[in-house]
Amino acid sequence: VLPRLVSEDGIDMRRAYETERRAFAWLFVLYMLANWILVFVTGAPLWNGITLQRTAVSILLVSLLMVNSRRLDWFVAIGVMAIAIVRTATQAVR
């Protein structure tokens, strides 16, 4: 997906992506962990549609940390986006 060119100032986009993807994945994993903690602290129902979606996103994000593959990155991005669209579409409006 990223070009194989090095810019004039010496920035290698592929290497930058490889080094920063783990930090980005960890940020999302920590965000999901904070959401799980919030669910347990507030006493919300544990197993409903929302927690199943949260579980699916958590599994997808952890797979980013375990497997270093650009194809998996795209699969995870599309999966998380699809789950977010489903979550937004099914969310009750108040």
Protein backbone atom coordinates (compact mmCIF):
# COMPACT_ATOMS: atom_id res chain seq x y z
CA VAL A 1 0.00 0.00 0.00
CA LEU A 2 2.80 2.42 0.84
CA PRO A 3 5.16 3.57 -1.91
CA ARG A 4 8.66 2.18 -2.08
CA LEU A 5 10.14 5.61 -2.60
CA VAL A 6 12.34 7.53 -0.21
CA SER A 7 11.54 11.22 -0.09
CA GLU A 8 14.12 13.97 -0.50
CA ASP A 9 14.44 14.45 3.25
CA GLY A 10 15.19 10.76 3.82
CA ILE A 11 11.90 9.61 5.35
CA ASP A 12 11.20 5.98 4.54
CA MET A 13 7.43 5.57 4.77
CA ARG A 14 7.57 1.78 4.96
CA ARG A 15 10.00 1.79 7.87
CA ALA A 16 8.00 4.53 9.63
CA TYR A 17 4.85 2.44 9.28
CA GLU A 18 6.57 -0.69 10.61
CA THR A 19 7.92 1.09 13.66
CA GLU A 20 4.74 3.00 14.48
CA ARG A 21 2.14 0.27 13.84
CA ARG A 22 2.87 -1.46 17.16
CA ALA A 23 2.43 1.79 19.11
CA PHE A 24 -0.82 2.45 17.27
CA ALA A 25 -2.09 -1.09 17.99
CA TRP A 26 -1.12 -0.84 21.67
CA LEU A 27 -2.97 2.46 21.93
CA PHE A 28 -6.16 0.81 20.66
CA VAL A 29 -5.68 -2.23 22.90
CA LEU A 30 -5.30 0.02 25.94
CA TYR A 31 -8.43 1.94 24.87
CA MET A 32 -10.39 -1.31 24.65
CA LEU A 33 -9.01 -2.45 28.01
CA ALA A 34 -10.21 0.83 29.52
CA ASN A 35 -13.66 0.18 28.04
CA TRP A 36 -13.73 -3.31 29.56
CA ILE A 37 -12.75 -1.91 32.97
CA LEU A 38 -15.48 0.72 32.67
CA VAL A 39 -18.06 -2.01 31.96
CA PHE A 40 -17.02 -3.99 35.04
CA VAL A 41 -16.89 -0.92 37.30
CA THR A 42 -20.31 0.40 36.26
CA GLY A 43 -21.96 -2.98 36.62
CA ALA A 44 -23.38 -3.02 33.10
CA PRO A 45 -24.78 -6.32 31.78
CA LEU A 46 -21.79 -8.45 30.86
CA TRP A 47 -22.94 -10.39 27.82
CA ASN A 48 -25.08 -8.51 25.36
CA GLY A 49 -24.63 -7.37 21.77
CA ILE A 50 -22.33 -4.53 22.73
CA THR A 51 -19.92 -6.74 24.67
CA LEU A 52 -19.86 -9.25 21.83
CA GLN A 53 -18.86 -6.45 19.48
CA ARG A 54 -16.28 -5.23 21.98
CA THR A 55 -14.90 -8.78 22.24
CA ALA A 56 -14.60 -9.06 18.46
CA VAL A 57 -12.75 -5.74 18.22
CA SER A 58 -10.45 -6.73 21.10
CA ILE A 59 -9.56 -10.01 19.38
CA LEU A 60 -8.89 -8.23 16.11
CA LEU A 61 -6.66 -5.66 17.79
CA VAL A 62 -4.67 -8.23 19.74
CA SER A 63 -4.11 -10.13 16.49
CA LEU A 64 -2.32 -7.02 15.19
CA LEU A 65 0.22 -7.37 17.97
CA MET A 66 0.73 -11.09 17.38
CA VAL A 67 1.03 -11.15 13.58
CA ASN A 68 3.06 -8.70 11.53
CA SER A 69 1.22 -8.64 8.21
CA ARG A 70 -0.04 -5.72 6.15
CA ARG A 71 -2.85 -7.86 4.80
CA LEU A 72 -3.97 -8.59 8.35
CA ASP A 73 -3.78 -4.85 9.10
CA TRP A 74 -6.29 -4.21 6.31
CA PHE A 75 -8.52 -7.07 7.46
CA VAL A 76 -8.52 -5.70 11.00
CA ALA A 77 -9.18 -2.14 9.82
CA ILE A 78 -12.14 -3.26 7.71
CA GLY A 79 -13.44 -5.50 10.51
CA VAL A 80 -13.24 -2.76 13.14
CA MET A 81 -14.88 -0.29 10.75
CA ALA A 82 -17.70 -2.74 10.01
CA ILE A 83 -18.29 -3.36 13.71
CA ALA A 84 -18.29 0.40 14.36
CA ILE A 85 -20.86 0.92 11.60
CA VAL A 86 -23.06 -1.84 13.03
CA ARG A 87 -22.69 -0.39 16.52
CA THR A 88 -23.59 3.11 15.35
CA ALA A 89 -26.55 1.87 13.29
CA THR A 90 -28.00 -0.15 16.18
CA GLN A 91 -27.36 2.40 18.91
CA ALA A 92 -30.45 3.83 20.54
CA VAL A 93 -31.00 7.54 20.03
CA ARG A 94 -31.94 9.46 23.18
